[in-house]
Structures are given as structure tokens and as C-alpha cells.
């Protein structure tokens, strides 16, 4: 585990909790994208839940990263969902209509229940 993120597998879903506020700052976006893509490639499960609750973001570059995550997941035969979005981030995603690219859930519990039922 890293200080920047935490990983937990819950049933058929792997949860990646990003914790470092700096991961969505301008200069960190490329490395954050690589971390997430590497994680998706090597994930022990087909479904990943990305918990962004600790990270407020609204920059266009951060939104671009969010927009690219679906493609990154599909490239590795994975599915990806978002949960626990900070209110600023949720607003930015809705304003830019990015919610159509990745499923979003209010919190981790709701997401795990929904994603687990889809796998059955």
C-alpha cells in the first residue's frame, strides 16, 4: 500500500481509494493516469471501483483524466466505476456530462452492492 492510495478486494470488486490530494494537481495528472492504468492492467478482479472521496478536483486536465479512464479500463478488459465523489468533483463531472462515461455511486457501500449484484 502507498500513502497515495489504498487497495482492497471485496468479493468480485477491487476498490482503489485515492488518498493523496496532489494526485489531481496539474503536474501530477500524467503520473496519476499511469498509476490507475497500471492498476487496471494488474487488477485481480474484472471490476474496479475508484473511490475519489478524498480528492476534490475541477481542473480541465483532471476532468480529461476522468474522461480517459473508461478507455483505459476497456483496454485491459476491465470495467470501472466511481464512488464517493467530492461535491466539487461531482458538480464538475455533471456539468461536463462525463457521468455518461463511467457509472457513479454516492458511496462505496452503494457501489459495492450494485456492482456485486451485476456480477451475479
N, C-alpha and C. Protein backbone atom coordinates (compact mmCIF):
# COMPACT_ATOMS: atom_id res chain seq x y z
N UNK A 1 0.85 -1.19 0.00
CA UNK A 1 0.00 0.00 0.00
C UNK A 1 0.89 1.24 0.00
N UNK A 2 0.41 2.26 -0.58
CA UNK A 2 1.10 3.53 -0.69
C UNK A 2 0.36 4.58 0.12
N UNK A 3 1.04 5.67 0.45
CA UNK A 3 0.35 6.78 1.09
C UNK A 3 -0.62 7.46 0.13
N UNK A 4 -0.39 7.30 -1.16
CA UNK A 4 -1.21 7.94 -2.18
C UNK A 4 -2.52 7.20 -2.42
N UNK A 5 -2.53 5.89 -2.18
CA UNK A 5 -3.74 5.12 -2.42
C UNK A 5 -3.78 3.88 -1.54
N UNK A 6 -4.97 3.29 -1.50
CA UNK A 6 -5.22 2.10 -0.71
C UNK A 6 -6.02 1.14 -1.59
N UNK A 7 -5.77 -0.15 -1.48
CA UNK A 7 -6.43 -1.15 -2.30
C UNK A 7 -7.08 -2.19 -1.41
N UNK A 8 -8.29 -2.59 -1.78
CA UNK A 8 -8.99 -3.66 -1.06
C UNK A 8 -9.85 -4.41 -2.06
N UNK A 9 -9.85 -5.73 -1.98
CA UNK A 9 -10.73 -6.54 -2.81
C UNK A 9 -11.91 -6.97 -1.95
N UNK A 10 -13.10 -6.66 -2.46
CA UNK A 10 -14.34 -7.00 -1.77
C UNK A 10 -15.15 -7.87 -2.73
N UNK A 11 -15.15 -9.16 -2.49
CA UNK A 11 -15.84 -10.08 -3.40
C UNK A 11 -15.21 -10.02 -4.78
N UNK A 12 -16.02 -9.67 -5.77
CA UNK A 12 -15.57 -9.61 -7.16
C UNK A 12 -15.18 -8.20 -7.61
N UNK A 13 -15.02 -7.29 -6.65
CA UNK A 13 -14.70 -5.90 -6.97
C UNK A 13 -13.44 -5.48 -6.22
N UNK A 14 -12.54 -4.84 -6.93
CA UNK A 14 -11.36 -4.27 -6.29
C UNK A 14 -11.59 -2.77 -6.12
N UNK A 15 -11.39 -2.30 -4.91
CA UNK A 15 -11.59 -0.89 -4.60
C UNK A 15 -10.22 -0.22 -4.56
N UNK A 16 -10.07 0.83 -5.34
CA UNK A 16 -8.85 1.65 -5.34
C UNK A 16 -9.24 3.00 -4.76
N UNK A 17 -8.75 3.28 -3.56
CA UNK A 17 -9.07 4.54 -2.87
C UNK A 17 -7.89 5.49 -3.01
N UNK A 18 -8.07 6.53 -3.80
CA UNK A 18 -7.02 7.53 -3.94
C UNK A 18 -7.07 8.45 -2.73
N UNK A 19 -5.91 8.72 -2.13
CA UNK A 19 -5.86 9.48 -0.88
C UNK A 19 -5.04 10.76 -0.95
N UNK A 20 -4.16 10.86 -1.91
CA UNK A 20 -3.22 11.99 -1.98
C UNK A 20 -3.85 13.14 -2.76
N UNK A 21 -4.10 14.25 -2.08
CA UNK A 21 -4.70 15.41 -2.74
C UNK A 21 -3.89 15.87 -3.94
N UNK A 22 -2.60 15.67 -3.92
CA UNK A 22 -1.74 16.12 -5.00
C UNK A 22 -1.88 15.31 -6.28
N UNK A 23 -2.58 14.18 -6.24
CA UNK A 23 -2.69 13.32 -7.42
C UNK A 23 -3.46 13.97 -8.56
N UNK A 24 -4.29 14.96 -8.26
CA UNK A 24 -5.07 15.63 -9.29
C UNK A 24 -4.62 17.07 -9.51
N UNK A 25 -3.42 17.40 -9.03
CA UNK A 25 -2.84 18.70 -9.35
C UNK A 25 -2.24 18.62 -10.75
N UNK A 26 -2.14 19.75 -11.39
CA UNK A 26 -1.74 19.83 -12.79
C UNK A 26 -0.53 18.95 -13.12
N UNK A 27 0.55 19.10 -12.38
CA UNK A 27 1.79 18.39 -12.72
C UNK A 27 1.73 16.89 -12.41
N UNK A 28 0.76 16.46 -11.64
CA UNK A 28 0.66 15.05 -11.25
C UNK A 28 -0.30 14.23 -12.10
N UNK A 29 -1.09 14.88 -12.93
CA UNK A 29 -2.12 14.18 -13.71
C UNK A 29 -1.53 13.05 -14.56
N UNK A 30 -0.45 13.25 -15.31
CA UNK A 30 0.08 12.14 -16.11
C UNK A 30 0.49 10.93 -15.25
N UNK A 31 1.13 11.17 -14.13
CA UNK A 31 1.55 10.04 -13.29
C UNK A 31 0.34 9.38 -12.63
N UNK A 32 -0.68 10.15 -12.29
CA UNK A 32 -1.90 9.57 -11.74
C UNK A 32 -2.57 8.68 -12.78
N UNK A 33 -2.62 9.14 -14.01
CA UNK A 33 -3.19 8.32 -15.09
C UNK A 33 -2.44 7.01 -15.24
N UNK A 34 -1.11 7.06 -15.14
CA UNK A 34 -0.31 5.85 -15.26
C UNK A 34 -0.55 4.91 -14.09
N UNK A 35 -0.64 5.46 -12.88
CA UNK A 35 -0.91 4.64 -11.69
C UNK A 35 -2.24 3.89 -11.87
N UNK A 36 -3.27 4.61 -12.28
CA UNK A 36 -4.59 3.99 -12.43
C UNK A 36 -4.57 2.97 -13.56
N UNK A 37 -3.95 3.30 -14.68
CA UNK A 37 -3.91 2.33 -15.78
C UNK A 37 -3.12 1.09 -15.41
N UNK A 38 -1.98 1.25 -14.75
CA UNK A 38 -1.20 0.09 -14.31
C UNK A 38 -2.02 -0.76 -13.34
N UNK A 39 -2.74 -0.09 -12.46
CA UNK A 39 -3.59 -0.82 -11.52
C UNK A 39 -4.66 -1.61 -12.27
N UNK A 40 -5.32 -0.97 -13.23
CA UNK A 40 -6.35 -1.66 -14.01
C UNK A 40 -5.77 -2.87 -14.74
N UNK A 41 -4.62 -2.72 -15.31
CA UNK A 41 -3.98 -3.81 -16.04
C UNK A 41 -3.72 -5.00 -15.13
N UNK A 42 -3.27 -4.73 -13.90
CA UNK A 42 -2.86 -5.79 -12.99
C UNK A 42 -3.91 -6.15 -11.94
N UNK A 43 -5.09 -5.57 -12.04
CA UNK A 43 -6.13 -5.78 -11.04
C UNK A 43 -6.50 -7.26 -10.93
N UNK A 44 -6.72 -7.74 -9.71
CA UNK A 44 -7.10 -9.15 -9.53
C UNK A 44 -8.56 -9.43 -9.90
N UNK A 45 -9.35 -8.40 -10.13
CA UNK A 45 -10.75 -8.60 -10.49
C UNK A 45 -11.05 -7.85 -11.78
N UNK A 46 -12.17 -8.22 -12.40
CA UNK A 46 -12.58 -7.57 -13.64
C UNK A 46 -13.16 -6.17 -13.40
N UNK A 47 -13.71 -5.96 -12.20
CA UNK A 47 -14.37 -4.69 -11.89
C UNK A 47 -13.58 -3.92 -10.85
N UNK A 48 -13.35 -2.65 -11.13
CA UNK A 48 -12.66 -1.77 -10.19
C UNK A 48 -13.56 -0.62 -9.82
N UNK A 49 -13.58 -0.32 -8.54
CA UNK A 49 -14.31 0.82 -8.02
C UNK A 49 -13.28 1.85 -7.58
N UNK A 50 -13.31 3.02 -8.20
CA UNK A 50 -12.36 4.08 -7.89
C UNK A 50 -13.03 5.06 -6.93
N UNK A 51 -12.54 5.07 -5.69
CA UNK A 51 -13.07 5.95 -4.64
C UNK A 51 -12.26 7.24 -4.64
N UNK A 52 -12.94 8.34 -4.98
CA UNK A 52 -12.29 9.64 -5.09
C UNK A 52 -12.72 10.60 -4.00
N UNK A 53 -13.23 10.08 -2.91
CA UNK A 53 -13.80 10.91 -1.86
C UNK A 53 -12.85 11.89 -1.20
N UNK A 54 -11.58 11.60 -1.21
CA UNK A 54 -10.60 12.47 -0.57
C UNK A 54 -10.06 13.55 -1.50
N UNK A 55 -10.48 13.52 -2.77
CA UNK A 55 -9.81 14.36 -3.76
C UNK A 55 -10.80 15.27 -4.49
N UNK A 56 -10.83 16.55 -4.12
CA UNK A 56 -11.64 17.49 -4.89
C UNK A 56 -10.87 17.92 -6.14
N UNK A 57 -11.54 17.92 -7.27
CA UNK A 57 -10.88 18.38 -8.49
C UNK A 57 -11.92 19.04 -9.40
N UNK A 58 -11.49 20.03 -10.12
CA UNK A 58 -12.35 20.66 -11.13
C UNK A 58 -11.56 21.11 -12.35
N UNK A 59 -10.26 20.92 -12.36
CA UNK A 59 -9.48 21.39 -13.50
C UNK A 59 -9.81 20.61 -14.75
N UNK A 60 -9.62 21.24 -15.89
CA UNK A 60 -9.92 20.57 -17.15
C UNK A 60 -9.01 19.37 -17.37
N UNK A 61 -7.77 19.45 -16.92
CA UNK A 61 -6.85 18.33 -17.08
C UNK A 61 -7.30 17.14 -16.22
N UNK A 62 -7.76 17.40 -15.01
CA UNK A 62 -8.28 16.32 -14.15
C UNK A 62 -9.53 15.70 -14.77
N UNK A 63 -10.39 16.54 -15.31
CA UNK A 63 -11.59 16.02 -15.98
C UNK A 63 -11.23 15.21 -17.22
N UNK A 64 -10.18 15.62 -17.90
CA UNK A 64 -9.70 14.85 -19.04
C UNK A 64 -9.22 13.47 -18.62
N UNK A 65 -8.55 13.41 -17.47
CA UNK A 65 -8.12 12.11 -16.95
C UNK A 65 -9.34 11.24 -16.65
N UNK A 66 -10.35 11.79 -15.99
CA UNK A 66 -11.56 11.04 -15.69
C UNK A 66 -12.19 10.54 -16.99
N UNK A 67 -12.24 11.39 -18.00
CA UNK A 67 -12.82 11.02 -19.28
C UNK A 67 -12.06 9.86 -19.93
N UNK A 68 -10.75 9.79 -19.72
CA UNK A 68 -9.94 8.74 -20.34
C UNK A 68 -9.97 7.41 -19.58
N UNK A 69 -10.49 7.40 -18.37
CA UNK A 69 -10.43 6.19 -17.55
C UNK A 69 -11.24 5.03 -18.13
N UNK A 70 -12.37 5.33 -18.72
CA UNK A 70 -13.17 4.25 -19.31
C UNK A 70 -12.38 3.53 -20.40
N UNK A 71 -11.74 4.31 -21.26
CA UNK A 71 -10.94 3.72 -22.33
C UNK A 71 -9.77 2.93 -21.76
N UNK A 72 -9.13 3.45 -20.73
CA UNK A 72 -8.03 2.73 -20.09
C UNK A 72 -8.52 1.39 -19.52
N UNK A 73 -9.68 1.40 -18.89
CA UNK A 73 -10.24 0.16 -18.33
C UNK A 73 -10.55 -0.83 -19.45
N UNK A 74 -11.22 -0.37 -20.49
CA UNK A 74 -11.59 -1.24 -21.60
C UNK A 74 -10.36 -1.82 -22.28
N UNK A 75 -9.30 -1.06 -22.37
CA UNK A 75 -8.06 -1.52 -22.99
C UNK A 75 -7.54 -2.78 -22.30
N UNK A 76 -7.83 -2.91 -21.01
CA UNK A 76 -7.35 -4.05 -20.22
C UNK A 76 -8.47 -5.03 -19.88
N UNK A 77 -9.62 -4.91 -20.58
CA UNK A 77 -10.72 -5.83 -20.37
C UNK A 77 -11.38 -5.68 -19.01
N UNK A 78 -11.37 -4.48 -18.48
CA UNK A 78 -11.92 -4.21 -17.15
C UNK A 78 -13.11 -3.26 -17.24
N UNK A 79 -13.88 -3.25 -16.17
CA UNK A 79 -14.92 -2.23 -16.03
C UNK A 79 -14.56 -1.37 -14.83
N UNK A 80 -14.99 -0.14 -14.86
CA UNK A 80 -14.61 0.82 -13.84
C UNK A 80 -15.82 1.66 -13.46
N UNK A 81 -15.94 1.93 -12.18
CA UNK A 81 -16.99 2.81 -11.67
C UNK A 81 -16.35 3.76 -10.66
N UNK A 82 -17.02 4.90 -10.45
CA UNK A 82 -16.55 5.91 -9.50
C UNK A 82 -17.48 5.95 -8.30
N UNK A 83 -16.93 6.28 -7.15
CA UNK A 83 -17.80 6.46 -5.99
C UNK A 83 -17.23 7.53 -5.06
N UNK A 84 -18.11 7.97 -4.18
CA UNK A 84 -17.72 8.86 -3.09
C UNK A 84 -17.09 10.15 -3.59
N UNK A 85 -17.65 10.67 -4.68
CA UNK A 85 -17.08 11.88 -5.27
C UNK A 85 -17.27 13.09 -4.35
N UNK A 86 -16.24 13.88 -4.23
CA UNK A 86 -16.30 15.15 -3.51
C UNK A 86 -17.36 16.02 -4.22
N UNK A 87 -18.13 16.82 -3.49
CA UNK A 87 -19.18 17.63 -4.13
C UNK A 87 -18.67 18.49 -5.29
N UNK A 88 -17.48 19.09 -5.17
CA UNK A 88 -16.92 19.88 -6.27
C UNK A 88 -16.69 19.01 -7.50
N UNK A 89 -16.17 17.83 -7.27
CA UNK A 89 -15.88 16.92 -8.38
C UNK A 89 -17.16 16.43 -9.03
N UNK A 90 -18.15 16.09 -8.21
CA UNK A 90 -19.44 15.63 -8.74
C UNK A 90 -20.05 16.73 -9.63
N UNK A 91 -19.99 17.97 -9.15
CA UNK A 91 -20.53 19.09 -9.92
C UNK A 91 -19.79 19.23 -11.26
N UNK A 92 -18.46 19.14 -11.23
CA UNK A 92 -17.68 19.28 -12.46
C UNK A 92 -17.98 18.16 -13.45
N UNK A 93 -18.14 16.96 -12.95
CA UNK A 93 -18.44 15.82 -13.82
C UNK A 93 -19.84 15.97 -14.43
N UNK A 94 -20.80 16.39 -13.63
CA UNK A 94 -22.15 16.57 -14.15
C UNK A 94 -22.24 17.72 -15.14
N UNK A 95 -21.54 18.80 -14.84
CA UNK A 95 -21.55 19.96 -15.73
C UNK A 95 -20.97 19.62 -17.10
N UNK A 96 -19.94 18.79 -17.11
CA UNK A 96 -19.31 18.42 -18.37
C UNK A 96 -19.90 17.15 -18.99
N UNK A 97 -20.91 16.60 -18.32
CA UNK A 97 -21.62 15.40 -18.79
C UNK A 97 -20.74 14.16 -18.88
N UNK A 98 -19.71 14.10 -18.07
CA UNK A 98 -18.83 12.93 -18.06
C UNK A 98 -19.47 11.74 -17.36
N UNK A 99 -20.56 11.96 -16.65
CA UNK A 99 -21.21 10.86 -15.94
C UNK A 99 -21.72 9.79 -16.90
N UNK A 100 -21.86 10.13 -18.17
CA UNK A 100 -22.32 9.13 -19.14
C UNK A 100 -21.21 8.12 -19.48
N UNK A 101 -19.97 8.46 -19.17
CA UNK A 101 -18.85 7.56 -19.48
C UNK A 101 -18.61 6.49 -18.42
N UNK A 102 -18.77 6.87 -17.16
CA UNK A 102 -18.49 5.95 -16.06
C UNK A 102 -19.62 5.98 -15.04
N UNK A 103 -20.06 4.80 -14.59
CA UNK A 103 -21.09 4.80 -13.55
C UNK A 103 -20.55 5.45 -12.28
N UNK A 104 -21.43 6.18 -11.61
CA UNK A 104 -21.05 6.85 -10.36
C UNK A 104 -22.02 6.45 -9.27
N UNK A 105 -21.48 6.28 -8.08
CA UNK A 105 -22.29 5.92 -6.93
C UNK A 105 -22.00 6.88 -5.80
N UNK A 106 -23.02 7.11 -4.99
CA UNK A 106 -22.91 8.06 -3.90
C UNK A 106 -21.81 7.66 -2.92
N UNK A 107 -21.79 6.39 -2.52
CA UNK A 107 -20.76 5.94 -1.58
C UNK A 107 -20.32 4.52 -1.94
N UNK A 108 -19.32 4.06 -1.24
CA UNK A 108 -18.74 2.75 -1.53
C UNK A 108 -19.73 1.62 -1.26
N UNK A 109 -20.48 1.72 -0.19
CA UNK A 109 -21.44 0.67 0.15
C UNK A 109 -22.47 0.48 -0.96
N UNK A 110 -23.03 1.59 -1.44
CA UNK A 110 -24.00 1.53 -2.53
C UNK A 110 -23.37 0.93 -3.79
N UNK A 111 -22.16 1.38 -4.10
CA UNK A 111 -21.47 0.90 -5.30
C UNK A 111 -21.20 -0.60 -5.23
N UNK A 112 -20.69 -1.06 -4.09
CA UNK A 112 -20.38 -2.48 -3.96
C UNK A 112 -21.64 -3.34 -4.06
N UNK A 113 -22.73 -2.89 -3.47
CA UNK A 113 -23.99 -3.63 -3.56
C UNK A 113 -24.44 -3.73 -5.02
N UNK A 114 -24.39 -2.63 -5.74
CA UNK A 114 -24.85 -2.60 -7.13
C UNK A 114 -23.91 -3.41 -8.04
N UNK A 115 -22.62 -3.19 -7.89
CA UNK A 115 -21.66 -3.89 -8.74
C UNK A 115 -21.64 -5.39 -8.47
N UNK A 116 -21.80 -5.78 -7.22
CA UNK A 116 -21.84 -7.20 -6.86
C UNK A 116 -23.07 -7.86 -7.45
N UNK A 117 -24.21 -7.18 -7.42
CA UNK A 117 -25.44 -7.76 -7.97
C UNK A 117 -25.36 -7.88 -9.49
N UNK A 118 -24.61 -7.02 -10.15
CA UNK A 118 -24.46 -7.09 -11.59
C UNK A 118 -23.60 -8.29 -12.00
N UNK A 119 -22.69 -8.69 -11.14
CA UNK A 119 -21.78 -9.79 -11.44
C UNK A 119 -22.44 -11.16 -11.27
N UNK A 120 -23.55 -11.20 -10.54
CA UNK A 120 -24.20 -12.49 -10.24
C UNK A 120 -25.04 -12.96 -11.39
